[in-house]
Amino acid sequence: MRSWPSSRRIASASTRRSERAVKAQPPRSPMAARKRRAAFLFLAPAVLFFTVYVLWPIGQSIVLSFYEWDGLAPKVFVGLANYRELLDDDTFYKALKNNVIWLALFLLAPPIGLALALFLNQQMRGMRLAKSLFFMPFVLSGVVIGMVFNWFYEPTAGLLALMVGHAMPVLGDEDTVTFGIIAAALWPQTAYCMILYLTGLTAVSPELIEAARIEGAKGFTLLRRVILPQLRPATFIAIVVTVIGALRSFDLISVMSDGGPYGSSTVLAFFMYEQAIKYYRQGYGAAIAVVLMLIMLIYIAYFLTRMIRQEREGGR
């Protein structure tokens, strides 16, 4: 009768095979060691700066969120009191709701940017001038864009009032102020996404497009089946940057409404600024910052996981 090998014998055989495989590997050459050492040296400054300017402040903010501190007097440890107060604060939920509105509407920027990039990628006369005009909002600062749209929304003599024929206090109405600011923010964000897609379109394989056309693909089918898969890295960057921009929106709100009227246009980043800088509540502001960072991490982790999975499936 045949006897089956025991688990110890199987493990021993597996170990011997692993040892033989390690011994079979060729020794590392001096050139490979130098390349590895050069790679570490090139990465070292970036890792150092990332640790000092990103990881260290994040750690300090998390620690500070457990203290009550006005920036001058000694810190007082309060545990989770700042987080409990945040959960009972109506302004926090109003800011969170506005952030969700920002996020939903701000995600219009990638598809609009893609449409503009496809249009500007055509070989037509005067297209360089058109590209320059569409690039313009990308190089303007948030303060300048806020001032431009303040003039545009001016209730009595603004361009919007002249277009509709009557006064429209967009920034003075609690129901419209957030949407008015988001419309202003979409202007430069769309230009940014358009630049990403224009760069991505230069890497699209013309041979694949020609082959697809020979097979009968055209119009939206050609875009969806051939062009968009090749623009996946640009789409990933556009979405991640847009999500982060929506969650850390601050400058336009500060310039156009200062969080008003009656706090109706505030978001988490502006709420954090008010508590930490205006009201000298550094610990409470740090707690808001930690919550905002966790929300960002959820989105970034989701998109990173999805991209890695798609790359692995594409590599098979």
C-alpha atoms as a PDB file:
ATOM      1  CA  MET A   1       0.000   0.000   0.000  1.00  0.00           C
ATOM      2  CA  ARG A   2       1.317   3.428  -0.981  1.00  0.00           C
ATOM      3  CA  SER A   3       2.169   5.793   1.917  1.00  0.00           C
ATOM      4  CA  TRP A   4       1.582   9.577   1.356  1.00  0.00           C
ATOM      5  CA  PRO A   5       4.450  11.921   2.389  1.00  0.00           C
ATOM      6  CA  SER A   6       4.002  13.722   5.692  1.00  0.00           C
ATOM      7  CA  SER A   7       3.657  17.526   5.896  1.00  0.00           C
ATOM      8  CA  ARG A   8       7.152  17.746   7.483  1.00  0.00           C
ATOM      9  CA  ARG A   9       8.701  15.957   4.498  1.00  0.00           C
ATOM     10  CA  ILE A  10       6.832  18.242   2.075  1.00  0.00           C
ATOM     11  CA  ALA A  11       7.997  21.356   3.955  1.00  0.00           C
ATOM     12  CA  SER A  12      11.562  20.058   3.993  1.00  0.00           C
ATOM     13  CA  ALA A  13      11.494  19.426   0.255  1.00  0.00           C
ATOM     14  CA  SER A  14      10.067  22.910  -0.363  1.00  0.00           C
ATOM     15  CA  THR A  15      12.824  24.472   1.737  1.00  0.00           C
ATOM     16  CA  ARG A  16      15.509  22.590  -0.208  1.00  0.00           C
ATOM     17  CA  ARG A  17      14.012  23.778  -3.503  1.00  0.00           C
ATOM     18  CA  SER A  18      14.004  27.383  -2.242  1.00  0.00           C
ATOM     19  CA  GLU A  19      17.638  27.114  -1.145  1.00  0.00           C
ATOM     20  CA  ARG A  20      18.620  25.690  -4.548  1.00  0.00           C
ATOM     21  CA  ALA A  21      16.752  28.531  -6.281  1.00  0.00           C
ATOM     22  CA  VAL A  22      18.571  31.137  -4.181  1.00  0.00           C
ATOM     23  CA  LYS A  23      21.908  29.490  -4.895  1.00  0.00           C
ATOM     24  CA  ALA A  24      21.045  29.376  -8.602  1.00  0.00           C
ATOM     25  CA  GLN A  25      20.602  33.178  -8.765  1.00  0.00           C
ATOM     26  CA  PRO A  26      23.608  34.920 -10.297  1.00  0.00           C
ATOM     27  CA  PRO A  27      25.607  37.156  -7.924  1.00  0.00           C
ATOM     28  CA  ARG A  28      24.884  40.847  -8.103  1.00  0.00           C
ATOM     29  CA  SER A  29      27.335  42.674 -10.266  1.00  0.00           C
ATOM     30  CA  PRO A  30      29.146  45.820  -9.026  1.00  0.00           C
ATOM     31  CA  MET A  31      27.305  47.813 -11.712  1.00  0.00           C
ATOM     32  CA  ALA A  32      23.917  46.712 -10.325  1.00  0.00           C
ATOM     33  CA  ALA A  33      24.985  47.647  -6.797  1.00  0.00           C
ATOM     34  CA  ARG A  34      26.089  51.091  -7.980  1.00  0.00           C
ATOM     35  CA  LYS A  35      22.761  51.622  -9.776  1.00  0.00           C
ATOM     36  CA  ARG A  36      20.853  50.626  -6.659  1.00  0.00           C
ATOM     37  CA  ARG A  37      22.958  52.968  -4.515  1.00  0.00           C
ATOM     38  CA  ALA A  38      22.478  55.827  -7.021  1.00  0.00           C
ATOM     39  CA  ALA A  39      18.707  55.288  -6.976  1.00  0.00           C
ATOM     40  CA  PHE A  40      18.643  55.556  -3.176  1.00  0.00           C
ATOM     41  CA  LEU A  41      20.764  58.716  -3.297  1.00  0.00           C
ATOM     42  CA  PHE A  42      18.475  60.357  -5.853  1.00  0.00           C
ATOM     43  CA  LEU A  43      15.404  59.443  -3.800  1.00  0.00           C
ATOM     44  CA  ALA A  44      16.863  60.557  -0.477  1.00  0.00           C
ATOM     45  CA  PRO A  45      16.253  64.357  -0.866  1.00  0.00           C
ATOM     46  CA  ALA A  46      12.627  63.811  -1.915  1.00  0.00           C
ATOM     47  CA  VAL A  47      12.030  61.417   0.982  1.00  0.00           C
ATOM     48  CA  LEU A  48      13.671  63.888   3.397  1.00  0.00           C
ATOM     49  CA  PHE A  49      11.556  66.840   2.198  1.00  0.00           C
ATOM     50  CA  PHE A  50       8.389  64.716   2.200  1.00  0.00           C
ATOM     51  CA  THR A  51       9.089  63.646   5.774  1.00  0.00           C
ATOM     52  CA  VAL A  52       9.871  67.162   7.021  1.00  0.00           C
ATOM     53  CA  TYR A  53       7.181  69.109   5.165  1.00  0.00           C
ATOM     54  CA  VAL A  54       4.348  66.530   4.930  1.00  0.00           C
ATOM     55  CA  LEU A  55       4.595  63.650   7.396  1.00  0.00           C
ATOM     56  CA  TRP A  56       5.900  65.692  10.329  1.00  0.00           C
ATOM     57  CA  PRO A  57       3.168  68.408  10.096  1.00  0.00           C
ATOM     58  CA  ILE A  58       0.496  65.710   9.756  1.00  0.00           C
ATOM     59  CA  GLY A  59       1.766  64.043  12.918  1.00  0.00           C
ATOM     60  CA  GLN A  60       1.916  67.377  14.746  1.00  0.00           C
ATOM     61  CA  SER A  61      -1.661  68.220  13.684  1.00  0.00           C
ATOM     62  CA  ILE A  62      -2.945  64.872  14.945  1.00  0.00           C
ATOM     63  CA  VAL A  63      -1.217  65.412  18.314  1.00  0.00           C
ATOM     64  CA  LEU A  64      -2.427  69.030  18.536  1.00  0.00           C
ATOM     65  CA  SER A  65      -6.036  67.944  17.937  1.00  0.00           C
ATOM     66  CA  PHE A  66      -6.020  66.380  21.413  1.00  0.00           C
ATOM     67  CA  TYR A  67      -5.110  69.694  23.087  1.00  0.00           C
ATOM     68  CA  GLU A  68      -6.779  73.026  23.810  1.00  0.00           C
ATOM     69  CA  TRP A  69      -4.327  75.744  22.777  1.00  0.00           C
ATOM     70  CA  ASP A  70      -4.649  79.408  21.810  1.00  0.00           C
ATOM     71  CA  GLY A  71      -1.126  79.605  20.365  1.00  0.00           C
ATOM     72  CA  LEU A  72       0.333  81.497  23.387  1.00  0.00           C
ATOM     73  CA  ALA A  73      -0.559  79.834  26.690  1.00  0.00           C
ATOM     74  CA  PRO A  74       0.605  76.301  27.590  1.00  0.00           C
ATOM     75  CA  LYS A  75      -1.303  73.491  25.914  1.00  0.00           C
ATOM     76  CA  VAL A  76      -3.978  71.651  27.893  1.00  0.00           C
ATOM     77  CA  PHE A  77      -4.659  68.008  27.080  1.00  0.00           C
ATOM     78  CA  VAL A  78      -8.394  67.492  26.492  1.00  0.00           C
ATOM     79  CA  GLY A  79      -8.420  64.066  24.829  1.00  0.00           C
ATOM     80  CA  LEU A  80     -11.275  63.646  22.347  1.00  0.00           C
ATOM     81  CA  ALA A  81     -13.130  66.775  23.511  1.00  0.00           C
ATOM     82  CA  ASN A  82     -12.372  68.664  20.285  1.00  0.00           C
ATOM     83  CA  TYR A  83     -13.808  65.823  18.190  1.00  0.00           C
ATOM     84  CA  ARG A  84     -16.910  65.558  20.401  1.00  0.00           C
ATOM     85  CA  GLU A  85     -17.489  69.312  20.066  1.00  0.00           C
ATOM     86  CA  LEU A  86     -17.009  69.034  16.306  1.00  0.00           C
ATOM     87  CA  LEU A  87     -19.708  66.356  16.048  1.00  0.00           C
ATOM     88  CA  ASP A  88     -22.154  68.636  17.939  1.00  0.00           C
ATOM     89  CA  ASP A  89     -21.310  71.736  15.859  1.00  0.00           C
ATOM     90  CA  ASP A  90     -23.962  72.708  13.269  1.00  0.00           C
ATOM     91  CA  THR A  91     -21.390  74.715  11.309  1.00  0.00           C
ATOM     92  CA  PHE A  92     -19.366  71.526  10.785  1.00  0.00           C
ATOM     93  CA  TYR A  93     -22.302  69.803   9.075  1.00  0.00           C
ATOM     94  CA  LYS A  94     -23.044  72.894   6.985  1.00  0.00           C
ATOM     95  CA  ALA A  95     -19.388  73.009   5.877  1.00  0.00           C
ATOM     96  CA  LEU A  96     -19.425  69.260   5.162  1.00  0.00           C
ATOM     97  CA  LYS A  97     -22.591  69.628   3.061  1.00  0.00           C
ATOM     98  CA  ASN A  98     -20.991  72.457   1.070  1.00  0.00           C
ATOM     99  CA  ASN A  99     -17.893  70.301   0.528  1.00  0.00           C
ATOM    100  CA  VAL A 100     -20.095  67.535  -0.908  1.00  0.00           C
ATOM    101  CA  ILE A 101     -21.734  70.084  -3.261  1.00  0.00           C
ATOM    102  CA  TRP A 102     -18.272  71.326  -4.263  1.00  0.00           C
ATOM    103  CA  LEU A 103     -17.136  67.766  -4.919  1.00  0.00           C
ATOM    104  CA  ALA A 104     -20.157  66.813  -7.029  1.00  0.00           C
ATOM    105  CA  LEU A 105     -20.048  69.928  -9.224  1.00  0.00           C
ATOM    106  CA  PHE A 106     -16.260  70.189  -9.372  1.00  0.00           C
ATOM    107  CA  LEU A 107     -16.102  66.752 -11.000  1.00  0.00           C
ATOM    108  CA  LEU A 108     -17.627  68.370 -14.096  1.00  0.00           C
ATOM    109  CA  ALA A 109     -14.175  69.809 -14.791  1.00  0.00           C
ATOM    110  CA  PRO A 110     -12.559  66.559 -16.181  1.00  0.00           C
ATOM    111  CA  PRO A 111     -15.250  65.807 -18.830  1.00  0.00           C
ATOM    112  CA  ILE A 112     -15.457  69.480 -19.877  1.00  0.00           C
ATOM    113  CA  GLY A 113     -11.651  69.630 -20.014  1.00  0.00           C
ATOM    114  CA  LEU A 114     -11.616  66.453 -22.130  1.00  0.00           C
ATOM    115  CA  ALA A 115     -14.161  67.905 -24.566  1.00  0.00           C
ATOM    116  CA  LEU A 116     -12.120  71.112 -24.911  1.00  0.00           C
ATOM    117  CA  ALA A 117      -8.892  69.135 -25.364  1.00  0.00           C
ATOM    118  CA  LEU A 118     -10.435  67.015 -28.141  1.00  0.00           C
ATOM    119  CA  PHE A 119     -11.615  70.197 -29.838  1.00  0.00           C
ATOM    120  CA  LEU A 120      -8.285  72.013 -29.479  1.00  0.00           C
ATOM    121  CA  ASN A 121      -6.341  68.938 -30.658  1.00  0.00           C
ATOM    122  CA  GLN A 122      -7.683  69.461 -34.189  1.00  0.00           C
ATOM    123  CA  GLN A 123      -5.379  70.770 -36.896  1.00  0.00           C
ATOM    124  CA  MET A 124      -7.185  73.971 -37.793  1.00  0.00           C
ATOM    125  CA  ARG A 125      -6.156  77.521 -38.576  1.00  0.00           C
ATOM    126  CA  GLY A 126      -6.074  79.808 -35.522  1.00  0.00           C
ATOM    127  CA  MET A 127      -6.062  76.897 -33.073  1.00  0.00           C
ATOM    128  CA  ARG A 128      -2.903  78.154 -31.337  1.00  0.00           C
ATOM    129  CA  LEU A 129      -4.640  81.414 -30.471  1.00  0.00           C
ATOM    130  CA  ALA A 130      -7.660  79.473 -29.190  1.00  0.00           C
ATOM    131  CA  LYS A 131      -5.383  77.315 -27.020  1.00  0.00           C
ATOM    132  CA  SER A 132      -3.779  80.432 -25.525  1.00  0.00           C
ATOM    133  CA  LEU A 133      -7.202  81.848 -24.621  1.00  0.00           C
ATOM    134  CA  PHE A 134      -8.272  78.596 -22.962  1.00  0.00           C
ATOM    135  CA  PHE A 135      -4.937  78.367 -21.085  1.00  0.00           C
ATOM    136  CA  MET A 136      -5.356  81.854 -19.605  1.00  0.00           C
ATOM    137  CA  PRO A 137      -7.429  80.998 -16.486  1.00  0.00           C
ATOM    138  CA  PHE A 138      -4.842  78.375 -15.509  1.00  0.00           C
ATOM    139  CA  VAL A 139      -2.129  81.009 -15.014  1.00  0.00           C
ATOM    140  CA  LEU A 140      -4.354  83.420 -13.053  1.00  0.00           C
ATOM    141  CA  SER A 141      -4.235  83.346  -9.265  1.00  0.00           C
ATOM    142  CA  GLY A 142      -7.334  82.507  -7.244  1.00  0.00           C
ATOM    143  CA  VAL A 143      -7.514  86.071  -5.933  1.00  0.00           C
ATOM    144  CA  VAL A 144      -7.656  87.529  -9.464  1.00  0.00           C
ATOM    145  CA  ILE A 145     -10.336  85.035 -10.515  1.00  0.00           C
ATOM    146  CA  GLY A 146     -12.323  85.890  -7.380  1.00  0.00           C
ATOM    147  CA  MET A 147     -12.141  89.620  -8.177  1.00  0.00           C
ATOM    148  CA  VAL A 148     -13.182  89.017 -11.805  1.00  0.00           C
ATOM    149  CA  PHE A 149     -16.248  87.035 -10.741  1.00  0.00           C
ATOM    150  CA  ASN A 150     -17.062  89.571  -8.016  1.00  0.00           C
ATOM    151  CA  TRP A 151     -17.391  92.144 -10.789  1.00  0.00           C
ATOM    152  CA  PHE A 152     -19.336  89.652 -12.909  1.00  0.00           C
ATOM    153  CA  TYR A 153     -21.830  88.991 -10.066  1.00  0.00           C
ATOM    154  CA  GLU A 154     -22.114  92.635  -8.945  1.00  0.00           C
ATOM    155  CA  PRO A 155     -25.902  93.017  -8.331  1.00  0.00           C
ATOM    156  CA  THR A 156     -26.556  96.319 -10.063  1.00  0.00           C
ATOM    157  CA  ALA A 157     -23.802  96.997 -12.626  1.00  0.00           C
ATOM    158  CA  GLY A 158     -22.276  93.515 -13.091  1.00  0.00           C
ATOM    159  CA  LEU A 159     -22.194  91.705 -16.408  1.00  0.00           C
ATOM    160  CA  LEU A 160     -24.662  89.080 -15.155  1.00  0.00           C
ATOM    161  CA  ALA A 161     -27.193  91.771 -14.150  1.00  0.00           C
ATOM    162  CA  LEU A 162     -26.817  93.393 -17.571  1.00  0.00           C
ATOM    163  CA  MET A 163     -27.332  90.034 -19.299  1.00  0.00           C
ATOM    164  CA  VAL A 164     -30.530  89.082 -17.421  1.00  0.00           C
ATOM    165  CA  GLY A 165     -31.862  92.657 -17.252  1.00  0.00           C
ATOM    166  CA  HIS A 166     -32.348  92.869 -13.484  1.00  0.00           C
ATOM    167  CA  ALA A 167     -30.334  92.716 -10.257  1.00  0.00           C
ATOM    168  CA  MET A 168     -29.190  89.258  -9.152  1.00  0.00           C
ATOM    169  CA  PRO A 169     -27.428  89.197  -5.761  1.00  0.00           C
ATOM    170  CA  VAL A 170     -25.750  85.795  -6.333  1.00  0.00           C
ATOM    171  CA  LEU A 171     -23.165  86.258  -3.582  1.00  0.00           C
ATOM    172  CA  GLY A 172     -25.677  87.845  -1.186  1.00  0.00           C
ATOM    173  CA  ASP A 173     -28.190  84.984  -1.292  1.00  0.00           C
ATOM    174  CA  GLU A 174     -27.684  81.988   1.011  1.00  0.00           C
ATOM    175  CA  ASP A 175     -29.167  79.647  -1.615  1.00  0.00           C
ATOM    176  CA  THR A 176     -26.977  80.732  -4.554  1.00  0.00           C
ATOM    177  CA  VAL A 177     -23.664  81.880  -3.067  1.00  0.00           C
ATOM    178  CA  THR A 178     -22.043  78.411  -3.020  1.00  0.00           C
ATOM    179  CA  PHE A 179     -23.033  77.679  -6.618  1.00  0.00           C
ATOM    180  CA  GLY A 180     -21.747  81.104  -7.728  1.00  0.00           C
ATOM    181  CA  ILE A 181     -18.334  80.432  -6.162  1.00  0.00           C
ATOM    182  CA  ILE A 182     -18.155  76.914  -7.618  1.00  0.00           C
ATOM    183  CA  ALA A 183     -18.862  78.324 -11.104  1.00  0.00           C
ATOM    184  CA  ALA A 184     -15.893  80.656 -10.645  1.00  0.00           C
ATOM    185  CA  ALA A 185     -13.680  77.785  -9.430  1.00  0.00           C
ATOM    186  CA  LEU A 186     -14.610  75.591 -12.392  1.00  0.00           C
ATOM    187  CA  TRP A 187     -13.054  78.089 -14.797  1.00  0.00           C
ATOM    188  CA  PRO A 188      -9.358  77.454 -13.897  1.00  0.00           C
ATOM    189  CA  GLN A 189      -9.951  73.810 -12.953  1.00  0.00           C
ATOM    190  CA  THR A 190     -11.369  73.053 -16.400  1.00  0.00           C
ATOM    191  CA  ALA A 191      -8.313  74.681 -17.974  1.00  0.00           C
ATOM    192  CA  TYR A 192      -6.045  72.505 -15.821  1.00  0.00           C
ATOM    193  CA  CYS A 193      -7.856  69.290 -16.835  1.00  0.00           C
ATOM    194  CA  MET A 194      -7.758  70.403 -20.468  1.00  0.00           C
ATOM    195  CA  ILE A 195      -3.960  70.749 -20.295  1.00  0.00           C
ATOM    196  CA  LEU A 196      -3.672  67.258 -18.801  1.00  0.00           C
ATOM    197  CA  TYR A 197      -5.766  65.758 -21.587  1.00  0.00           C
ATOM    198  CA  LEU A 198      -3.933  67.696 -24.305  1.00  0.00           C
ATOM    199  CA  THR A 199      -0.679  66.243 -22.975  1.00  0.00           C
ATOM    200  CA  GLY A 200      -2.236  62.776 -22.890  1.00  0.00           C
ATOM    201  CA  LEU A 201      -3.503  63.084 -26.458  1.00  0.00           C
ATOM    202  CA  THR A 202       0.065  63.528 -27.717  1.00  0.00           C
ATOM    203  CA  ALA A 203       0.797  59.985 -26.474  1.00  0.00           C
ATOM    204  CA  VAL A 204      -2.238  58.366 -28.120  1.00  0.00           C
ATOM    205  CA  SER A 205      -1.108  55.822 -30.713  1.00  0.00           C
ATOM    206  CA  PRO A 206      -2.155  56.929 -34.237  1.00  0.00           C
ATOM    207  CA  GLU A 207      -1.666  53.336 -35.468  1.00  0.00           C
ATOM    208  CA  LEU A 208      -4.373  52.082 -33.094  1.00  0.00           C
ATOM    209  CA  ILE A 209      -6.754  54.835 -34.191  1.00  0.00           C
ATOM    210  CA  GLU A 210      -6.117  54.059 -37.851  1.00  0.00           C
ATOM    211  CA  ALA A 211      -6.619  50.334 -37.245  1.00  0.00           C
ATOM    212  CA  ALA A 212      -9.889  51.030 -35.411  1.00  0.00           C
ATOM    213  CA  ARG A 213     -11.108  53.209 -38.267  1.00  0.00           C
ATOM    214  CA  ILE A 214     -10.314  50.457 -40.764  1.00  0.00           C
ATOM    215  CA  GLU A 215     -12.400  48.115 -38.606  1.00  0.00           C
ATOM    216  CA  GLY A 216     -15.315  50.568 -38.837  1.00  0.00           C
ATOM    217  CA  ALA A 217     -15.050  52.388 -35.470  1.00  0.00           C
ATOM    218  CA  LYS A 218     -15.852  56.073 -35.525  1.00  0.00           C
ATOM    219  CA  GLY A 219     -17.327  58.873 -33.433  1.00  0.00           C
ATOM    220  CA  PHE A 220     -18.225  58.036 -29.842  1.00  0.00           C
ATOM    221  CA  THR A 221     -17.314  54.357 -30.268  1.00  0.00           C
ATOM    222  CA  LEU A 222     -13.778  55.310 -31.334  1.00  0.00           C
ATOM    223  CA  LEU A 223     -13.521  57.681 -28.371  1.00  0.00           C
ATOM    224  CA  ARG A 224     -14.820  55.169 -25.813  1.00  0.00           C
ATOM    225  CA  ARG A 225     -13.068  52.028 -27.094  1.00  0.00           C
ATOM    226  CA  VAL A 226      -9.730  53.356 -28.330  1.00  0.00           C
ATOM    227  CA  ILE A 227      -8.905  56.894 -27.128  1.00  0.00           C
ATOM    228  CA  LEU A 228     -10.240  56.949 -23.549  1.00  0.00           C
ATOM    229  CA  PRO A 229      -8.394  53.745 -22.474  1.00  0.00           C
ATOM    230  CA  GLN A 230      -5.127  55.367 -23.596  1.00  0.00           C
ATOM    231  CA  LEU A 231      -6.012  58.526 -21.628  1.00  0.00           C
ATOM    232  CA  ARG A 232      -6.495  56.577 -18.394  1.00  0.00           C
ATOM    233  CA  PRO A 233      -3.388  58.014 -16.616  1.00  0.00           C
ATOM    234  CA  ALA A 234      -4.468  61.580 -17.476  1.00  0.00           C
ATOM    235  CA  THR A 235      -7.997  60.841 -16.280  1.00  0.00           C
ATOM    236  CA  PHE A 236      -6.687  59.453 -13.001  1.00  0.00           C
ATOM    237  CA  ILE A 237      -4.589  62.562 -12.316  1.00  0.00           C
ATOM    238  CA  ALA A 238      -7.418  64.902 -13.363  1.00  0.00           C
ATOM    239  CA  ILE A 239      -9.933  63.231 -11.033  1.00  0.00           C
ATOM    240  CA  VAL A 240      -7.588  63.012  -8.041  1.00  0.00           C
ATOM    241  CA  VAL A 241      -6.454  66.638  -8.376  1.00  0.00           C
ATOM    242  CA  THR A 242     -10.064  67.782  -8.846  1.00  0.00           C
ATOM    243  CA  VAL A 243     -11.246  65.894  -5.761  1.00  0.00           C
ATOM    244  CA  ILE A 244      -8.420  67.322  -3.663  1.00  0.00           C
ATOM    245  CA  GLY A 245      -9.091  70.829  -5.052  1.00  0.00           C
ATOM    246  CA  ALA A 246     -12.774  70.557  -4.153  1.00  0.00           C
ATOM    247  CA  LEU A 247     -12.039  69.436  -0.592  1.00  0.00           C
ATOM    248  CA  ARG A 248      -9.398  72.095   0.106  1.00  0.00           C
ATOM    249  CA  SER A 249     -11.235  74.996  -1.559  1.00  0.00           C
ATOM    250  CA  PHE A 250     -10.447  78.146   0.386  1.00  0.00           C
ATOM    251  CA  ASP A 251      -9.113  81.135  -1.585  1.00  0.00           C
ATOM    252  CA  LEU A 252     -12.197  81.889  -3.693  1.00  0.00           C
ATOM    253  CA  ILE A 253     -14.471  81.604  -0.659  1.00  0.00           C
ATOM    254  CA  SER A 254     -12.256  83.995   1.268  1.00  0.00           C
ATOM    255  CA  VAL A 255     -12.184  86.536  -1.574  1.00  0.00           C
ATOM    256  CA  MET A 256     -15.784  86.299  -2.796  1.00  0.00           C
ATOM    257  CA  SER A 257     -17.914  85.756   0.321  1.00  0.00           C
ATOM    258  CA  ASP A 258     -15.690  85.337   3.406  1.00  0.00           C
ATOM    259  CA  GLY A 259     -17.812  82.301   4.270  1.00  0.00           C
ATOM    260  CA  GLY A 260     -21.073  84.306   4.295  1.00  0.00           C
ATOM    261  CA  PRO A 261     -23.769  85.292   4.236  1.00  0.00           C
ATOM    262  CA  TYR A 262     -24.225  83.915   7.781  1.00  0.00           C
ATOM    263  CA  GLY A 263     -21.732  81.119   7.184  1.00  0.00           C
ATOM    264  CA  SER A 264     -23.802  79.633   4.339  1.00  0.00           C
ATOM    265  CA  SER A 265     -20.825  79.264   1.950  1.00  0.00           C
ATOM    266  CA  THR A 266     -18.240  77.972   4.418  1.00  0.00           C
ATOM    267  CA  VAL A 267     -16.397  74.696   3.806  1.00  0.00           C
ATOM    268  CA  LEU A 268     -14.194  72.591   6.068  1.00  0.00           C
ATOM    269  CA  ALA A 269     -10.930  74.310   5.028  1.00  0.00           C
ATOM    270  CA  PHE A 270     -12.394  77.778   5.637  1.00  0.00           C
ATOM    271  CA  PHE A 271     -14.017  76.621   8.892  1.00  0.00           C
ATOM    272  CA  MET A 272     -10.627  75.326  10.046  1.00  0.00           C
ATOM    273  CA  TYR A 273      -8.976  78.671   9.157  1.00  0.00           C
ATOM    274  CA  GLU A 274     -11.609  80.630  11.078  1.00  0.00           C
ATOM    275  CA  GLN A 275     -11.266  78.534  14.235  1.00  0.00           C
ATOM    276  CA  ALA A 276      -7.462  78.315  14.218  1.00  0.00           C
ATOM    277  CA  ILE A 277      -6.517  81.835  13.053  1.00  0.00           C
ATOM    278  CA  LYS A 278      -9.463  84.124  13.792  1.00  0.00           C
ATOM    279  CA  TYR A 279     -10.599  82.613  17.088  1.00  0.00           C
ATOM    280  CA  TYR A 280      -7.198  81.303  18.311  1.00  0.00           C
ATOM    281  CA  ARG A 281      -8.467  77.719  18.744  1.00  0.00           C
ATOM    282  CA  GLN A 282      -5.497  75.785  17.392  1.00  0.00           C
ATOM    283  CA  GLY A 283      -6.536  72.414  18.822  1.00  0.00           C
ATOM    284  CA  TYR A 284     -10.080  72.641  17.458  1.00  0.00           C
ATOM    285  CA  GLY A 285      -8.740  73.768  14.071  1.00  0.00           C
ATOM    286  CA  ALA A 286      -6.347  70.790  14.080  1.00  0.00           C
ATOM    287  CA  ALA A 287      -9.268  68.428  14.747  1.00  0.00           C
ATOM    288  CA  ILE A 288     -11.091  69.857  11.696  1.00  0.00           C
ATOM    289  CA  ALA A 289      -7.888  69.411   9.655  1.00  0.00           C
ATOM    290  CA  VAL A 290      -7.587  65.758  10.704  1.00  0.00           C
ATOM    291  CA  VAL A 291     -11.197  65.040   9.682  1.00  0.00           C
ATOM    292  CA  LEU A 292     -10.610  66.765   6.333  1.00  0.00           C
ATOM    293  CA  MET A 293      -7.425  64.747   5.777  1.00  0.00           C
ATOM    294  CA  LEU A 294      -9.251  61.473   6.508  1.00  0.00           C
ATOM    295  CA  ILE A 295     -11.947  62.344   3.938  1.00  0.00           C
ATOM    296  CA  MET A 296      -9.235  63.050   1.344  1.00  0.00           C
ATOM    297  CA  LEU A 297      -7.468  59.776   2.160  1.00  0.00           C
ATOM    298  CA  ILE A 298     -10.658  57.806   1.519  1.00  0.00           C
ATOM    299  CA  TYR A 299     -10.975  59.214  -2.009  1.00  0.00           C
ATOM    300  CA  ILE A 300      -7.268  58.915  -2.801  1.00  0.00           C
ATOM    301  CA  ALA A 301      -7.074  55.320  -1.496  1.00  0.00           C
ATOM    302  CA  TYR A 302     -10.115  54.361  -3.569  1.00  0.00           C
ATOM    303  CA  PHE A 303      -8.733  55.786  -6.815  1.00  0.00           C
ATOM    304  CA  LEU A 304      -5.223  54.412  -6.185  1.00  0.00           C
ATOM    305  CA  THR A 305      -6.572  50.924  -5.504  1.00  0.00           C
ATOM    306  CA  ARG A 306      -8.715  51.058  -8.629  1.00  0.00           C
ATOM    307  CA  MET A 307      -5.824  52.238 -10.815  1.00  0.00           C
ATOM    308  CA  ILE A 308      -3.443  49.555  -9.500  1.00  0.00           C
ATOM    309  CA  ARG A 309      -6.080  46.860 -10.094  1.00  0.00           C
ATOM    310  CA  GLN A 310      -6.683  48.062 -13.655  1.00  0.00           C
ATOM    311  CA  GLU A 311      -2.938  48.126 -14.391  1.00  0.00           C
ATOM    312  CA  ARG A 312      -2.538  44.569 -13.088  1.00  0.00           C
ATOM    313  CA  GLU A 313      -5.468  43.361 -15.170  1.00  0.00           C
ATOM    314  CA  GLY A 314      -4.057  45.153 -18.220  1.00  0.00           C
ATOM    315  CA  GLY A 315      -0.639  43.588 -17.674  1.00  0.00           C
ATOM    316  CA  ARG A 316      -1.966  40.050 -17.765  1.00  0.00           C
END
